[in-house]
Each structure stands twice: as C-alpha cells, then as structure tokens.
N, C-alpha and C. Protein backbone atom coordinates (compact mmCIF):
# COMPACT_ATOMS: atom_id res chain seq x y z
N UNK A 1 -60.73 12.96 18.04
CA UNK A 1 -59.50 12.55 17.61
C UNK A 1 -59.02 11.05 18.49
N UNK A 2 -58.48 10.46 17.69
CA UNK A 2 -58.03 8.98 18.51
C UNK A 2 -56.90 9.33 19.19
N UNK A 3 -56.51 9.10 20.74
CA UNK A 3 -55.09 9.10 21.30
C UNK A 3 -54.85 10.47 21.47
N UNK A 4 -53.87 10.42 22.40
CA UNK A 4 -52.90 11.77 22.18
C UNK A 4 -51.96 11.69 21.02
N UNK A 5 -51.74 12.74 20.54
CA UNK A 5 -50.66 12.88 19.69
C UNK A 5 -49.77 14.03 19.91
N UNK A 6 -48.56 13.70 19.92
CA UNK A 6 -47.57 14.51 20.44
C UNK A 6 -46.55 14.99 19.11
N UNK A 7 -46.66 16.37 18.71
CA UNK A 7 -45.87 16.55 17.59
C UNK A 7 -44.98 17.68 17.51
N UNK A 8 -44.79 18.14 18.97
CA UNK A 8 -43.81 18.99 19.16
C UNK A 8 -42.59 19.22 18.43
N UNK A 9 -41.70 17.78 18.61
CA UNK A 9 -40.72 18.11 17.67
C UNK A 9 -40.87 18.34 16.51
N UNK A 10 -41.60 17.86 15.73
CA UNK A 10 -41.71 18.16 14.17
C UNK A 10 -42.10 19.53 14.12
N UNK A 11 -43.15 20.27 15.01
CA UNK A 11 -43.24 21.39 14.94
C UNK A 11 -42.26 22.40 15.11
N UNK A 12 -41.44 22.11 16.04
CA UNK A 12 -40.33 22.95 16.52
C UNK A 12 -39.50 22.85 15.17
N UNK A 13 -39.00 21.69 14.60
CA UNK A 13 -38.17 21.52 13.45
C UNK A 13 -38.74 22.52 12.15
N UNK A 14 -39.83 22.25 11.83
CA UNK A 14 -41.09 22.92 10.92
C UNK A 14 -40.75 24.52 11.40
N UNK A 15 -40.71 24.76 12.64
CA UNK A 15 -40.33 26.25 12.58
C UNK A 15 -39.51 27.20 12.59
N UNK A 16 -38.31 26.14 12.84
CA UNK A 16 -36.84 26.43 12.52
C UNK A 16 -36.40 26.42 11.09
N UNK A 17 -37.18 25.74 10.31
CA UNK A 17 -36.63 25.67 8.91
C UNK A 17 -37.55 26.72 8.19
N UNK A 18 -38.89 26.83 8.92
CA UNK A 18 -39.45 27.88 7.72
C UNK A 18 -38.65 29.33 8.33
N UNK A 19 -38.22 29.63 9.64
CA UNK A 19 -37.68 30.80 9.94
C UNK A 19 -36.38 31.00 9.05
N UNK A 20 -35.73 30.03 8.92
CA UNK A 20 -34.56 30.02 7.78
C UNK A 20 -34.99 30.22 6.74
N UNK A 21 -35.81 29.67 6.12
CA UNK A 21 -36.16 29.99 4.67
C UNK A 21 -36.71 31.67 4.62
N UNK A 22 -37.10 32.08 5.37
CA UNK A 22 -37.37 33.49 5.20
C UNK A 22 -36.08 34.14 5.50
N UNK A 23 -35.26 34.03 5.62
CA UNK A 23 -33.95 34.52 5.58
C UNK A 23 -33.41 34.39 4.21
N UNK A 24 -33.53 33.46 3.86
CA UNK A 24 -32.59 32.91 2.62
C UNK A 24 -33.53 33.25 1.42
N UNK A 25 -34.63 33.90 1.33
CA UNK A 25 -35.43 33.93 -0.05
C UNK A 25 -34.46 34.32 -0.93
N UNK A 26 -33.67 34.96 -1.10
CA UNK A 26 -33.02 35.82 -2.23
C UNK A 26 -32.03 34.70 -2.67
N UNK A 27 -32.18 33.24 -2.24
CA UNK A 27 -31.21 32.30 -2.88
C UNK A 27 -31.83 31.95 -4.32
N UNK A 28 -30.70 31.98 -5.20
CA UNK A 28 -31.22 31.71 -6.67
C UNK A 28 -31.37 30.22 -6.96
N UNK A 29 -30.94 29.68 -6.32
CA UNK A 29 -30.60 27.88 -6.70
C UNK A 29 -31.61 27.09 -5.47
N UNK A 30 -32.19 26.21 -5.53
CA UNK A 30 -32.65 25.66 -4.87
C UNK A 30 -31.77 24.23 -4.25
N UNK A 31 -31.01 23.69 -5.00
CA UNK A 31 -30.34 22.55 -4.65
C UNK A 31 -28.76 23.28 -4.16
N UNK A 32 -28.98 23.79 -3.19
CA UNK A 32 -27.49 24.15 -2.37
C UNK A 32 -27.56 23.46 -1.28
N UNK A 33 -26.10 23.67 -0.41
CA UNK A 33 -25.65 23.07 0.66
C UNK A 33 -26.19 23.47 1.83
N UNK A 34 -27.28 24.46 1.80
CA UNK A 34 -27.88 24.98 3.07
C UNK A 34 -28.56 24.22 4.03
N UNK A 35 -29.47 23.33 3.33
CA UNK A 35 -30.01 22.27 4.24
C UNK A 35 -29.38 21.55 5.08
N UNK A 36 -28.61 20.37 4.12
CA UNK A 36 -27.78 19.76 4.71
C UNK A 36 -27.00 20.53 5.86
N UNK A 37 -26.37 21.68 5.62
CA UNK A 37 -25.50 22.03 6.44
C UNK A 37 -26.21 22.76 7.79
N UNK A 38 -27.52 23.03 7.30
CA UNK A 38 -28.27 23.04 8.65
C UNK A 38 -28.58 21.96 9.67
N UNK A 39 -28.74 21.04 8.88
CA UNK A 39 -28.83 19.45 9.61
C UNK A 39 -27.64 19.14 10.58
N UNK A 40 -26.40 19.32 9.80
CA UNK A 40 -25.40 19.26 10.52
C UNK A 40 -25.12 19.98 12.00
N UNK A 41 -25.66 21.16 11.88
CA UNK A 41 -25.36 22.35 12.85
C UNK A 41 -26.44 21.96 14.03
N UNK A 42 -27.79 21.49 13.41
CA UNK A 42 -28.55 21.12 14.21
C UNK A 42 -28.42 19.59 15.25
N UNK A 43 -27.63 18.98 14.36
CA UNK A 43 -27.16 17.49 14.93
C UNK A 43 -26.03 17.71 15.96
N UNK A 44 -24.88 18.54 15.39
CA UNK A 44 -23.66 18.29 16.00
C UNK A 44 -23.27 19.73 16.88
N UNK A 45 -23.90 20.55 16.69
CA UNK A 45 -23.33 21.95 17.23
C UNK A 45 -24.41 22.60 18.34
N UNK A 46 -25.61 22.46 17.87
CA UNK A 46 -26.86 23.25 18.58
C UNK A 46 -27.31 22.71 19.92
N UNK A 47 -27.04 23.23 20.83
CA UNK A 47 -27.42 22.68 22.11
C UNK A 47 -28.98 22.67 22.35
N UNK A 48 -29.27 21.38 22.54
CA UNK A 48 -30.82 21.33 23.23
C UNK A 48 -31.42 21.16 24.27
N UNK A 49 -32.26 22.25 24.74
CA UNK A 49 -32.48 22.41 26.37
C UNK A 49 -33.22 21.14 26.54
N UNK A 50 -34.09 20.55 25.91
CA UNK A 50 -34.58 19.05 26.35
C UNK A 50 -33.82 17.88 26.37
N UNK A 51 -32.55 18.11 25.92
CA UNK A 51 -31.78 17.09 26.45
C UNK A 51 -30.75 17.53 27.23
N UNK A 52 -30.89 18.17 28.26
CA UNK A 52 -30.00 18.56 29.04
C UNK A 52 -28.95 19.17 28.50
N UNK A 53 -29.07 20.35 27.60
CA UNK A 53 -27.78 21.06 26.63
C UNK A 53 -26.72 20.38 26.25
N UNK A 54 -27.28 19.66 25.77
CA UNK A 54 -26.59 18.51 24.71
C UNK A 54 -27.01 18.42 23.09
N UNK A 55 -26.24 18.38 22.57
CA UNK A 55 -26.46 18.48 21.08
C UNK A 55 -26.96 16.79 21.02
N UNK A 56 -27.74 16.76 19.78
CA UNK A 56 -28.46 15.14 19.38
C UNK A 56 -27.23 14.24 19.29
N UNK A 57 -26.09 14.63 18.70
CA UNK A 57 -25.07 13.76 18.39
C UNK A 57 -24.34 13.55 20.05
N UNK A 58 -24.13 14.28 20.67
CA UNK A 58 -23.59 13.86 22.21
C UNK A 58 -24.56 12.95 22.88
N UNK A 59 -25.96 13.43 22.67
CA UNK A 59 -26.62 12.47 23.44
C UNK A 59 -26.89 11.29 23.10
N UNK A 60 -26.22 10.80 21.57
CA UNK A 60 -26.22 9.27 20.92
C UNK A 60 -24.77 8.76 21.42
N UNK A 61 -23.92 9.47 21.98
CA UNK A 61 -22.72 9.12 22.19
C UNK A 61 -21.64 9.10 21.48
N UNK A 62 -21.80 10.53 20.36
CA UNK A 62 -20.54 10.87 19.46
C UNK A 62 -20.36 12.63 19.91
N UNK A 63 -19.02 12.57 19.86
CA UNK A 63 -18.24 13.57 20.69
C UNK A 63 -17.56 14.26 19.46
N UNK A 64 -17.49 15.48 19.56
CA UNK A 64 -17.04 15.93 18.03
C UNK A 64 -16.05 17.11 19.16
N UNK A 65 -14.76 16.87 18.92
CA UNK A 65 -13.90 17.87 19.79
C UNK A 65 -13.24 18.98 19.04
N UNK A 66 -12.51 19.65 19.71
CA UNK A 66 -11.68 20.78 19.06
C UNK A 66 -12.62 21.99 19.37
N UNK A 67 -11.82 23.10 19.16
CA UNK A 67 -12.20 24.78 19.24
C UNK A 67 -13.66 24.96 18.55
N UNK A 68 -13.32 24.66 16.97
CA UNK A 68 -14.06 24.67 15.88
C UNK A 68 -14.59 23.61 15.50
N UNK A 69 -16.13 23.40 15.95
CA UNK A 69 -16.55 22.02 15.58
C UNK A 69 -16.59 21.77 14.04
N UNK A 70 -16.89 22.91 13.84
CA UNK A 70 -17.18 22.76 11.91
C UNK A 70 -15.62 22.54 11.36
N UNK A 71 -14.77 22.97 11.69
CA UNK A 71 -13.48 22.27 11.31
C UNK A 71 -13.29 21.09 11.39
N UNK A 72 -13.45 20.56 12.66
CA UNK A 72 -13.48 19.04 12.94
C UNK A 72 -14.21 18.05 12.27
N UNK A 73 -15.29 18.88 12.07
CA UNK A 73 -16.36 17.77 11.11
C UNK A 73 -15.57 18.04 9.49
N UNK A 74 -15.20 18.87 9.09
CA UNK A 74 -14.72 18.92 7.60
C UNK A 74 -13.71 18.04 7.39
N UNK A 75 -12.51 18.10 8.85
CA UNK A 75 -11.41 17.34 8.51
C UNK A 75 -11.76 15.88 8.75
N UNK A 76 -12.68 15.54 9.50
CA UNK A 76 -13.17 13.95 9.90
C UNK A 76 -13.70 13.62 8.46
N UNK A 77 -14.51 14.42 7.67
CA UNK A 77 -15.35 13.85 6.31
C UNK A 77 -13.93 13.70 5.43
N UNK A 78 -13.26 14.76 5.52
CA UNK A 78 -12.02 14.61 4.19
C UNK A 78 -11.50 13.21 4.49
N UNK A 79 -10.88 13.11 5.84
CA UNK A 79 -10.24 12.00 6.02
C UNK A 79 -10.93 10.66 5.98
N UNK A 80 -12.34 10.62 5.98
CA UNK A 80 -12.91 9.34 5.54
C UNK A 80 -12.97 9.22 4.15
N UNK A 81 -13.26 10.29 3.60
CA UNK A 81 -13.31 10.10 1.90
C UNK A 81 -11.94 9.64 1.47
N UNK A 82 -11.03 10.08 2.07
CA UNK A 82 -9.31 9.57 1.70
C UNK A 82 -9.37 8.35 1.83
N UNK A 83 -9.86 8.05 2.93
CA UNK A 83 -9.54 6.33 3.50
C UNK A 83 -10.53 5.50 2.54
N UNK A 84 -11.49 6.26 1.97
CA UNK A 84 -12.27 5.36 1.09
C UNK A 84 -11.73 4.79 -0.31
N UNK A 85 -11.17 6.00 -0.62
CA UNK A 85 -10.22 6.02 -1.94
C UNK A 85 -9.13 4.88 -1.67
N UNK A 86 -8.77 4.71 -0.74
CA UNK A 86 -7.48 3.75 -0.54
C UNK A 86 -7.96 2.64 -0.59
N UNK A 87 -9.11 2.01 -0.33
CA UNK A 87 -9.77 0.91 -0.05
C UNK A 87 -10.50 0.37 -1.28
C-alpha cells in the first residue's frame, strides 16, 4: 500500500448509518426524510468528542440557540423559506 490512509471518519459515519439502517428495516419507502434528518442531527445536535464536545456546526462557527434545537432549526428554515417567497 502506498502511504498511510486514514479513513476513520468515513468508517465511523458508515457504522452509524449501518446501525441506523438495522433499526429502520421496516420502512416501506426508501425516499423518506430520515437520512436528511439524521444528517441534520449529526451536524447540528450531536456532540463529537473528537472536536472538544462540539457539534460540527459549532466547530464551524454556526450556533443554534434555544432549549430545543430541532424547533429552532425548523423555525429558521421556515423563516428562510418565507423570506425567499417575498423576494
């Protein structure tokens, strides 16, 4: 093998998705909102030990405030969608 390859981050993500797939085998449709929802959870809500117990969003300087981050994200998305309609 040429050089060192470090694919730990990708393997970790694959492990998370595989574990989640096992739980959701009973889903009847493939095109659900579950994977995008999990991506939002992973990037905006789940704390990661590898980046000092921050979310990836926080590490990038994106702060989601409020007691319930899901509600905050949904409200912000709706506000953004409404603003786009007005322009």
